[in-house]
Amino acid sequence: MDNRNRWCNQEECPLIGPPQQSEDDCQVGHPNDNNQKHKGHLSSHSIRYVYTATSGIPDFPEFVNLGILDGMQIDYYDSNTKKVVPKQDWMAKAVGSDYWDRETQNSIGREKSFKANIDTAKQRFNQTGGVHVAQMMFGCEWDDETGVTRGFNQQGFDGEDFISFDLKTLTWIAPKPQAVITKNKWDNNKAGNEYWKNYLTQECIDWVKKYVDYEKSSLMRTVPPSVSLLQKTPSSPVTCHATGFYPRRVHVTWKKDGQDHHEDVEMGETLQNDDGTFQTSVHLNVKPEEWKNNKYQCVVQVSGIKEDFIKDLTEDELLSNWGKTNRGVNDQTSIGPIIGVVVAGLLVIVAAVIIGVVIWKKNRKGE
């Protein structure tokens, strides 16, 4: 049984580790990517592992863990299936067969540890029944142009920060008094903290590079986006909606008279479609007379595609439920199907939050 992240009340409480990969697991080296880099802002890669234990949620697994590379799920385990499985074809080929058996056994141990975490947290917060969630999210980010890296390990209970690792001081931060017991134990575990430092700053980065290289060499595909400008009512924000693109890394901006425009702009989530492509939205909240009297454009840039996809904000290009469409007639063309796709994507995000792809209620900038 793997107890390496128990919040338990035993004397020694070592830390839970990441997937136990070895060099033999990886079936590929570092193929050279001769494609021209697209844009600096699309050069960051990340891997995140998310462990989630729940109690009091009927018909839902009590424990789930998954791996996410650049926003794309690569593996999955839950307490019902008791098996770690790849979620991408290239991932199934990237590691040896022994990896999946080994990770299944490790995940069974993590499941037991995280179920104990919920019981411990409920005691510390003087709670008994009800719905409770204990979560851990850790991983790293790497910029393939600047070489800048970042590692993180943060854990939460019931949507609030519980404890997180400070890579600079190799100590744990406890924002709540109920986590101080855990902090003190883990601060004293010097070997465990050195382990996390090595993993988050070196081993994790190495695996990001290998996985990214393997994904590129296995798929090597790009799909251009379909871009639409949407508005629900005359006073609603204008939404630039891009969908059907691949890979996931995308940069969407609004421009005003040829210059990047950041005011009154709200970024949406990037969501995965059923066919494996992605969609995203960026909202512009300006008055109609403002965009009618100036040149506003939505510019979409997809990693690996040199061409920029541009939509000029004009009445003819604007799809709405209330007025002219891009066919130039007042036919009340509905944007319901498009909005439905967005809503469906949001429902996926809600489900993902339950299984652990979550940012705690206390948002951390840049994480």
Protein backbone atom coordinates (compact mmCIF):
# COMPACT_ATOMS: atom_id res chain seq x y z
CA MET A 1 0.00 0.00 0.00
CA ASP A 2 1.33 3.41 -0.99
CA ASN A 3 0.92 5.78 1.98
CA ARG A 4 3.13 8.56 0.66
CA ASN A 5 0.67 11.38 1.06
CA ARG A 6 -1.44 10.51 4.04
CA TRP A 7 -2.68 13.46 6.07
CA CYS A 8 -2.90 10.80 8.75
CA ASN A 9 -2.16 11.19 12.44
CA GLN A 10 0.62 8.64 12.55
CA GLU A 11 4.11 9.63 13.65
CA GLU A 12 5.71 9.48 10.23
CA CYS A 13 3.78 10.53 7.17
CA PRO A 14 5.91 10.38 4.01
CA LEU A 15 4.72 11.92 0.76
CA ILE A 16 2.83 10.38 -2.08
CA GLY A 17 4.79 10.26 -5.29
CA PRO A 18 4.10 10.77 -8.96
CA PRO A 19 3.77 7.94 -11.46
CA GLN A 20 6.81 5.72 -11.06
CA GLN A 21 8.32 5.94 -14.51
CA SER A 22 11.69 4.62 -15.56
CA GLU A 23 13.83 5.14 -18.62
CA ASP A 24 12.81 1.68 -19.82
CA ASP A 25 9.18 2.76 -19.87
CA CYS A 26 9.70 5.25 -22.65
CA GLN A 27 9.80 3.70 -26.11
CA VAL A 28 11.08 6.79 -27.89
CA GLY A 29 13.98 9.19 -27.62
CA HIS A 30 13.88 12.85 -28.61
CA PRO A 31 12.92 13.11 -32.28
CA ASN A 32 13.90 16.44 -33.75
CA ASP A 33 11.05 18.80 -34.43
CA ASN A 34 12.04 20.65 -37.57
CA ASN A 35 8.81 22.59 -37.74
CA GLN A 36 9.16 26.31 -37.30
CA LYS A 37 8.11 27.51 -33.86
CA HIS A 38 4.84 29.33 -34.14
CA LYS A 39 4.68 32.04 -31.52
CA GLY A 40 6.42 32.44 -28.16
CA HIS A 41 3.16 32.47 -26.25
CA LEU A 42 2.36 28.99 -27.60
CA SER A 43 5.64 27.43 -26.48
CA SER A 44 4.72 26.41 -22.94
CA HIS A 45 4.03 22.77 -22.11
CA SER A 46 2.77 21.28 -18.88
CA ILE A 47 1.89 18.00 -17.24
CA ARG A 48 -0.44 17.75 -14.27
CA TYR A 49 -1.45 14.79 -12.18
CA VAL A 50 -4.71 15.13 -10.29
CA TYR A 51 -5.82 12.84 -7.48
CA THR A 52 -9.35 13.21 -6.12
CA ALA A 53 -11.11 11.33 -3.31
CA THR A 54 -14.78 11.93 -2.58
CA SER A 55 -17.32 10.86 0.01
CA GLY A 56 -21.07 11.27 0.04
CA ILE A 57 -21.52 11.41 -3.76
CA PRO A 58 -23.81 8.58 -4.91
CA ASP A 59 -22.90 6.62 -8.04
CA PHE A 60 -19.52 8.32 -8.38
CA PRO A 61 -16.08 6.72 -7.87
CA GLU A 62 -14.63 7.38 -4.42
CA PHE A 63 -11.19 7.91 -5.96
CA VAL A 64 -10.00 9.11 -9.36
CA ASN A 65 -6.53 9.95 -10.62
CA LEU A 66 -5.58 11.19 -14.06
CA GLY A 67 -2.70 12.70 -16.00
CA ILE A 68 -3.09 15.78 -18.19
CA LEU A 69 -0.54 16.89 -20.81
CA ASP A 70 -1.10 20.36 -22.29
CA GLY A 71 -4.76 20.16 -21.28
CA MET A 72 -5.22 16.71 -22.84
CA GLN A 73 -5.99 13.73 -20.64
CA ILE A 74 -3.40 10.98 -21.12
CA ASP A 75 -4.34 8.36 -18.52
CA TYR A 76 -7.08 7.50 -16.04
CA TYR A 77 -7.82 5.38 -12.96
CA ASP A 78 -10.83 5.14 -10.69
CA SER A 79 -11.85 3.07 -7.71
CA ASN A 80 -14.55 1.26 -9.69
CA THR A 81 -12.39 -0.07 -12.51
CA LYS A 82 -9.22 -0.55 -10.41
CA LYS A 83 -7.06 -0.14 -13.51
CA VAL A 84 -4.89 2.61 -15.01
CA VAL A 85 -5.59 2.97 -18.73
CA PRO A 86 -4.19 5.27 -21.47
CA LYS A 87 -6.55 7.89 -22.87
CA GLN A 88 -4.52 8.65 -26.01
CA ASP A 89 -3.31 6.15 -28.59
CA TRP A 90 0.17 7.62 -28.60
CA MET A 91 0.35 7.34 -24.81
CA ALA A 92 -0.34 3.61 -25.03
CA LYS A 93 2.73 3.31 -27.26
CA ALA A 94 4.93 5.76 -25.35
CA VAL A 95 5.49 3.53 -22.31
CA GLY A 96 6.10 -0.17 -21.86
CA SER A 97 3.39 -2.64 -20.88
CA ASP A 98 4.81 -3.05 -17.37
CA TYR A 99 4.11 0.62 -16.71
CA TRP A 100 0.34 0.15 -16.68
CA ASP A 101 0.48 -2.81 -14.29
CA ARG A 102 2.83 -0.97 -11.97
CA GLU A 103 0.78 2.22 -12.02
CA THR A 104 -2.39 0.26 -11.33
CA GLN A 105 -0.86 -1.10 -8.12
CA ASN A 106 0.41 2.36 -7.17
CA SER A 107 -3.01 3.87 -7.78
CA ILE A 108 -4.66 1.29 -5.56
CA GLY A 109 -2.32 2.45 -2.79
CA ARG A 110 -3.08 6.10 -3.49
CA GLU A 111 -6.78 5.32 -3.34
CA LYS A 112 -6.43 3.94 0.19
CA SER A 113 -4.31 6.91 1.28
CA PHE A 114 -6.72 9.51 -0.05
CA LYS A 115 -9.74 7.84 1.48
CA ALA A 116 -7.88 8.10 4.79
CA ASN A 117 -7.19 11.78 4.02
CA ILE A 118 -10.91 12.51 3.88
CA ASP A 119 -11.48 10.82 7.24
CA THR A 120 -8.57 12.75 8.78
CA ALA A 121 -9.75 16.08 7.37
CA LYS A 122 -13.32 15.50 8.54
CA GLN A 123 -12.01 14.94 12.06
CA ARG A 124 -9.87 18.07 11.97
CA PHE A 125 -12.73 20.21 10.68
CA ASN A 126 -15.18 18.59 13.13
CA GLN A 127 -17.38 17.28 10.34
CA THR A 128 -19.16 13.96 9.95
CA GLY A 129 -21.56 13.37 7.06
CA GLY A 130 -22.18 15.26 3.85
CA VAL A 131 -20.23 15.57 0.62
CA HIS A 132 -16.45 15.98 0.96
CA VAL A 133 -13.60 16.15 -1.55
CA ALA A 134 -9.85 15.79 -0.97
CA GLN A 135 -7.62 16.69 -3.89
CA MET A 136 -4.01 16.89 -4.92
CA MET A 137 -2.67 18.51 -8.09
CA PHE A 138 1.03 18.47 -8.91
CA GLY A 139 3.22 18.71 -11.98
CA CYS A 140 5.42 21.07 -13.91
CA GLU A 141 5.57 23.49 -16.83
CA TRP A 142 8.33 23.96 -19.40
CA ASP A 143 8.76 26.66 -22.03
CA ASP A 144 10.49 25.09 -25.02
CA GLU A 145 11.76 28.47 -26.23
CA THR A 146 13.00 30.16 -23.05
CA GLY A 147 13.76 27.02 -21.04
CA VAL A 148 11.90 28.46 -18.04
CA THR A 149 10.39 25.79 -15.80
CA ARG A 150 7.97 25.73 -12.88
CA GLY A 151 6.90 22.97 -10.52
CA PHE A 152 3.92 22.84 -8.19
CA ASN A 153 2.24 20.59 -5.63
CA GLN A 154 -0.96 21.86 -4.04
CA GLN A 155 -3.64 20.05 -2.12
CA GLY A 156 -7.15 20.99 -1.11
CA PHE A 157 -10.13 19.92 0.92
CA ASP A 158 -13.71 20.80 0.03
CA GLY A 159 -12.63 23.36 -2.57
CA GLU A 160 -10.24 25.28 -0.31
CA ASP A 161 -6.45 25.29 -0.11
CA PHE A 162 -5.22 22.82 2.49
CA ILE A 163 -1.45 22.62 1.99
CA SER A 164 1.08 23.36 -0.77
CA PHE A 165 4.80 22.88 -1.37
CA ASP A 166 7.21 25.82 -1.57
CA LEU A 167 9.99 24.85 -3.97
CA LYS A 168 12.21 27.75 -2.90
CA THR A 169 12.31 26.90 0.79
CA LEU A 170 11.49 23.16 0.52
CA THR A 171 8.80 23.63 3.15
CA TRP A 172 5.04 23.31 3.20
CA ILE A 173 2.55 26.17 3.40
CA ALA A 174 -0.51 25.62 5.59
CA PRO A 175 -3.16 28.33 5.02
CA LYS A 176 -5.51 26.74 7.54
CA PRO A 177 -4.80 25.80 11.16
CA GLN A 178 -6.14 22.30 10.51
CA ALA A 179 -3.18 21.69 8.17
CA VAL A 180 -0.44 22.74 10.60
CA ILE A 181 -0.07 19.19 11.96
CA THR A 182 0.58 17.93 8.44
CA LYS A 183 2.92 20.82 7.66
CA ASN A 184 5.09 20.15 10.70
CA LYS A 185 5.40 16.45 9.88
CA TRP A 186 6.21 17.06 6.24
CA ASP A 187 8.66 19.90 6.97
CA ASN A 188 10.64 17.44 9.09
CA ASN A 189 10.72 14.89 6.28
CA LYS A 190 13.85 16.32 4.62
CA ALA A 191 14.35 13.34 2.33
CA GLY A 192 10.77 13.57 1.11
CA ASN A 193 11.14 17.28 0.37
CA GLU A 194 14.36 16.70 -1.56
CA TYR A 195 12.53 14.02 -3.49
CA TRP A 196 9.81 16.50 -4.47
CA LYS A 197 12.41 19.10 -5.44
CA ASN A 198 14.16 16.62 -7.73
CA TYR A 199 10.92 15.40 -9.24
CA LEU A 200 9.33 18.81 -9.87
CA THR A 201 12.47 20.49 -11.24
CA GLN A 202 14.12 17.65 -13.16
CA GLU A 203 12.32 14.34 -13.60
CA CYS A 204 8.94 15.90 -14.33
CA ILE A 205 10.46 18.26 -16.91
CA ASP A 206 12.23 15.36 -18.63
CA TRP A 207 8.95 13.49 -18.97
CA VAL A 208 7.14 16.53 -20.32
CA LYS A 209 9.78 16.80 -23.05
CA LYS A 210 9.55 13.11 -23.89
CA TYR A 211 5.77 13.04 -23.97
CA VAL A 212 5.58 16.20 -26.08
CA ASP A 213 8.12 14.77 -28.53
CA TYR A 214 6.26 11.50 -28.76
CA GLU A 215 2.93 13.20 -29.28
CA LYS A 216 4.41 15.27 -32.10
CA SER A 217 6.09 12.30 -33.78
CA SER A 218 2.99 10.12 -33.43
CA LEU A 219 0.34 12.59 -34.57
CA MET A 220 2.06 15.40 -36.45
CA ARG A 221 -1.30 16.83 -37.40
CA THR A 222 -2.81 20.26 -37.37
CA VAL A 223 -6.44 21.18 -37.95
CA PRO A 224 -7.45 24.79 -38.66
CA PRO A 225 -10.23 26.38 -36.64
CA SER A 226 -13.70 27.45 -37.67
CA VAL A 227 -14.13 30.99 -36.32
CA SER A 228 -17.47 32.69 -35.68
CA LEU A 229 -18.55 35.96 -34.10
CA LEU A 230 -21.61 35.55 -31.87
CA GLN A 231 -23.90 37.90 -29.97
CA LYS A 232 -26.97 36.86 -28.00
CA THR A 233 -28.63 40.30 -27.77
CA PRO A 234 -27.72 43.80 -29.00
CA SER A 235 -26.33 44.66 -25.56
CA SER A 236 -24.49 41.36 -25.01
CA PRO A 237 -20.72 40.98 -25.38
CA VAL A 238 -19.47 39.83 -28.77
CA THR A 239 -17.98 36.34 -28.55
CA CYS A 240 -15.22 35.16 -30.84
CA HIS A 241 -15.71 31.39 -30.92
CA ALA A 242 -13.05 29.13 -32.46
CA THR A 243 -13.75 25.42 -32.72
CA GLY A 244 -12.49 22.28 -34.43
CA PHE A 245 -8.79 23.14 -34.13
CA TYR A 246 -5.85 20.92 -33.23
CA PRO A 247 -3.51 20.91 -31.36
CA ARG A 248 -4.90 22.45 -28.19
CA ARG A 249 -2.44 25.33 -27.91
CA VAL A 250 -4.17 28.39 -29.30
CA HIS A 251 -3.92 32.15 -28.89
CA VAL A 252 -7.03 34.25 -29.47
CA THR A 253 -6.88 38.05 -29.35
CA TRP A 254 -9.07 41.01 -30.15
CA LYS A 255 -7.45 43.81 -32.13
CA LYS A 256 -8.64 47.40 -32.41
CA ASP A 257 -7.39 49.32 -35.43
CA GLY A 258 -4.55 46.83 -35.81
CA GLN A 259 -3.39 46.93 -32.18
CA ASP A 260 -3.90 44.28 -29.51
CA HIS A 261 -6.90 45.21 -27.40
CA HIS A 262 -7.00 43.88 -23.83
CA GLU A 263 -9.56 46.14 -22.17
CA ASP A 264 -13.09 44.79 -21.79
CA VAL A 265 -11.91 41.35 -22.93
CA GLU A 266 -12.70 38.13 -21.08
CA MET A 267 -10.92 34.88 -21.90
CA GLY A 268 -12.87 31.63 -21.95
CA GLU A 269 -11.77 28.06 -21.28
CA THR A 270 -10.27 25.81 -23.95
CA LEU A 271 -12.45 22.69 -24.12
CA GLN A 272 -12.08 19.39 -25.93
CA ASN A 273 -14.70 18.36 -28.50
CA ASP A 274 -15.98 14.82 -28.90
CA ASP A 275 -13.80 14.29 -31.99
CA GLY A 276 -10.59 15.19 -30.13
CA THR A 277 -10.33 18.72 -31.51
CA PHE A 278 -10.71 21.79 -29.31
CA GLN A 279 -12.80 24.94 -28.93
CA THR A 280 -12.39 28.22 -27.10
CA SER A 281 -14.07 31.62 -26.82
CA VAL A 282 -12.98 35.18 -26.07
CA HIS A 283 -15.58 37.81 -25.20
CA LEU A 284 -15.45 41.51 -26.13
CA ASN A 285 -17.65 43.77 -24.02
CA VAL A 286 -17.93 47.11 -25.83
CA LYS A 287 -20.92 49.13 -26.97
CA PRO A 288 -22.15 48.60 -30.56
CA GLU A 289 -21.29 52.17 -31.56
CA GLU A 290 -17.73 51.53 -30.42
CA TRP A 291 -17.09 48.53 -32.65
CA LYS A 292 -19.11 50.00 -35.52
CA ASN A 293 -16.95 53.16 -35.55
CA ASN A 294 -13.63 51.33 -35.19
CA LYS A 295 -12.03 48.32 -36.83
CA TYR A 296 -12.22 45.37 -34.45
CA GLN A 297 -10.83 41.98 -35.43
CA CYS A 298 -10.63 38.59 -33.76
CA VAL A 299 -7.32 36.86 -34.51
CA VAL A 300 -6.87 33.13 -33.87
CA GLN A 301 -3.43 31.51 -33.94
CA VAL A 302 -3.05 27.74 -33.62
CA SER A 303 0.27 26.13 -32.74
CA GLY A 304 1.92 24.57 -35.79
CA ILE A 305 -0.15 26.55 -38.30
CA LYS A 306 1.58 29.60 -39.76
CA GLU A 307 -1.62 31.20 -41.00
CA ASP A 308 -3.59 33.52 -38.73
CA PHE A 309 -7.38 33.18 -38.84
CA ILE A 310 -9.04 36.60 -38.74
CA LYS A 311 -12.65 37.69 -38.45
CA ASP A 312 -13.58 41.35 -38.88
CA LEU A 313 -16.29 42.49 -36.48
CA THR A 314 -19.01 43.77 -38.80
CA GLU A 315 -22.78 43.42 -38.82
CA ASP A 316 -22.53 41.04 -41.77
CA GLU A 317 -20.13 38.72 -39.93
CA LEU A 318 -22.03 38.75 -36.65
CA LEU A 319 -24.24 35.75 -35.92
CA SER A 320 -27.09 36.52 -33.59
CA ASN A 321 -30.56 35.53 -32.47
CA TRP A 322 -31.94 39.01 -33.00
CA GLY A 323 -30.78 40.58 -36.24
CA LYS A 324 -28.74 40.26 -39.42
CA THR A 325 -26.62 37.23 -40.02
CA ASN A 326 -23.69 36.77 -42.29
CA ARG A 327 -26.17 35.89 -45.05
CA GLY A 328 -27.41 39.47 -44.89
CA VAL A 329 -31.06 38.71 -44.10
CA ASN A 330 -33.13 39.25 -41.02
CA ASP A 331 -34.01 35.55 -40.78
CA GLN A 332 -33.51 35.08 -37.05
CA THR A 333 -30.81 32.48 -37.70
CA SER A 334 -30.23 30.80 -34.40
CA ILE A 335 -26.84 30.50 -32.80
CA GLY A 336 -28.36 27.96 -30.44
CA PRO A 337 -26.44 25.00 -31.91
CA ILE A 338 -23.16 26.85 -31.50
CA ILE A 339 -24.01 28.00 -27.99
CA GLY A 340 -25.11 24.45 -27.28
CA VAL A 341 -21.61 23.25 -28.09
CA VAL A 342 -20.20 25.81 -25.68
CA VAL A 343 -22.66 24.85 -22.95
CA ALA A 344 -21.91 21.18 -23.49
CA GLY A 345 -18.24 21.99 -23.11
CA LEU A 346 -18.94 23.82 -19.88
CA LEU A 347 -20.80 20.78 -18.59
CA VAL A 348 -17.71 18.73 -19.36
CA ILE A 349 -15.69 21.20 -17.31
CA VAL A 350 -18.15 20.88 -14.42
CA ALA A 351 -17.78 17.12 -14.52
CA ALA A 352 -14.02 17.52 -14.72
CA VAL A 353 -14.07 19.65 -11.60
CA ILE A 354 -15.76 16.83 -9.74
CA ILE A 355 -13.14 14.30 -10.82
CA GLY A 356 -10.28 16.58 -9.99
CA VAL A 357 -9.39 18.97 -12.78
CA VAL A 358 -9.97 21.85 -10.48
CA ILE A 359 -8.58 25.15 -9.43
CA TRP A 360 -9.39 25.73 -5.79
CA LYS A 361 -11.92 28.43 -4.95
CA LYS A 362 -8.95 30.51 -3.90
CA ASN A 363 -7.62 31.14 -7.39
CA ARG A 364 -3.86 31.10 -7.85
CA LYS A 365 -2.70 33.39 -10.61
CA GLY A 366 -0.86 31.54 -13.34
CA GLU A 367 -1.62 28.03 -12.08
